[in-house]
């Protein structure tokens, strides 16, 4: 949120270049950064586990979240923040009390997109986790054997895998709808 706000509202030197650089990190396929990251994780001592997977998902989804939230902040009129500053707020207070409540639907939509990406990602979880620290998509693929398929386990694993995104989308659907229609012109 602060990075998106800075790119949207503040006079950052070479703002367009910084925004493009943030978004261009999303252009590289995750597999292209996987091998250097695994080497770095072993050097740092993280190894293969959920910490490395979490950091990797943050590195991959954060540029997309910044770009989405920046778009929502761009849609807000500057006069709202200026009014808050005239009333005695500094820039951080205006961000916290005016901007954030208004872009909360956009933040929810961006967070949901990042959650779905991370939840469904198979390749990163395959290479960055082992054994007990593996994720549900890996567990689903493990229920398919070489010579047989355990249909009961596969069905249960698929249901358990699809339930959290469905429940989460039902819980935050009002924010998602508000986030999708923000900036739309009523006519």
Foldseek 3Di string as FASTA:
>chain_A
DVLLCCLQPNDDVVSVVVLVVLVVLLVDDLVVCLVVLQVVCVVVPNHFFDVSLVVSLCSNLVSVLSVQLSVLLNLDDPVQLVVVVVVPDDNVVSCVPPVCVSCVLSNLQSVLVSVVCSLPDDPSQVPRHDDPRGHLVVVLVVQQDPVHHPVVSNVVSVCVSPPVSVVSCVVCVVSPVCNVCPNPDDD
